[in-house]
């Protein structure tokens, strides 16, 4: 995507999670790869895209790690208070963006996905501009899928055709996503990602195929894999 594009986008990074599955002494976004935290890799990658003018990071109040990072003093990085759930953190960022009229569109991206490819972002932005609703990066399911019963035994095989793994970023208009998340939370709807809030309103965001190496660091072994991808994609 050309830097001459008139579109202006703000990225939102919910980073208030504790990442308990990592079995680490700090939240996973503050673990380091090549001397920088996962969160720094993620935010710096987003800022490299020519249409992303700000990154709003939702951080738990009292977080002792974020103020120590170089990005905490970056002029294009804004900190807001994170919430108990992902949706609360995203909504906090959206409210800041709307109040300050920062952008019509937002890209919501997981703090623990540092291996994002900017060409994927290009395709997502182009799709969102075209359909004016928005969409998400995703990858088709490749493996055979099994549905388990209550005893963790196979109940049946799930047809994988038309199944996708949802990734991030997920791109929507600021006002529309704010409305969707607000309505879903008021109705106690479980929101697992931004698209699920839009779906609850009966909308159908686009699926934009992204790279499979856009992994989310969740388990300890993911850290080494992310380091490999980042080393390979340097430059």
Foldseek 3Di string as FASTA:
>chain_A
DDLPDPAAEEEEEEDADFLVQAVDPGRQQQDDFPRGGLLVLQVVVQVPASRHQAYEYAYAPPDPRVVVDPVVPDPRYHYFHADPDSLRSVLRRLVVCVVVVPHFKYWYAYSQQSLFDVVLVVQQVVQCVVVVAWAFEKAQDDDWAFDADPVRDGPDTDDRVPPIGTHGGTMGTSVLLSVLSVVCVVVVHDDPDSVVSVVVVVDDHDYRYDDPLSDGPRYNVVSVSVSVSCVVPDD
